[in-house]
């Protein structure tokens, strides 16, 4: 029903074996991870039970209102967009910070009762419950040839 998406996992030994400068690797790795977070994807676990599939998506920092779930042509698309700006003034300095993130991911829905999909969001975790369609038994019949 679902496709798995590979992720990057680089160890310190990999960096040393390739002869990379550890500091530059740390800095570039940090920005790679930030760009990956800001760029369209999020971590998701998919579980299957006898009667449903469950998607648990990590969406930290998002509000429920920032998240959108949409079904189109048998694909469930989960997307979110969040913008935040802080300004703090103390003595002789001003601190301004901005944060923005947008990501989206689609899942193919096969064998799912699309009318009964439910979702809940709590403490940065979105849970989407996808009930399986009831399988109708295949009836055997003979077809006459004309």
Foldseek 3Di string as FASTA:
>chain_A
DWDDDDDDDDDPVNCVVVVHDVVVCVVVVVVVVVCVQQPADWDWDWDDDPWWIKIKTFAPPFDPVQWDWDDDPQKIKIKGKDKDWDWDDDDPDIDIDIDIGIHMDITGHDQFPVVPWDWDDDNRIIMIITTGHDDDDDDDDDDDDD
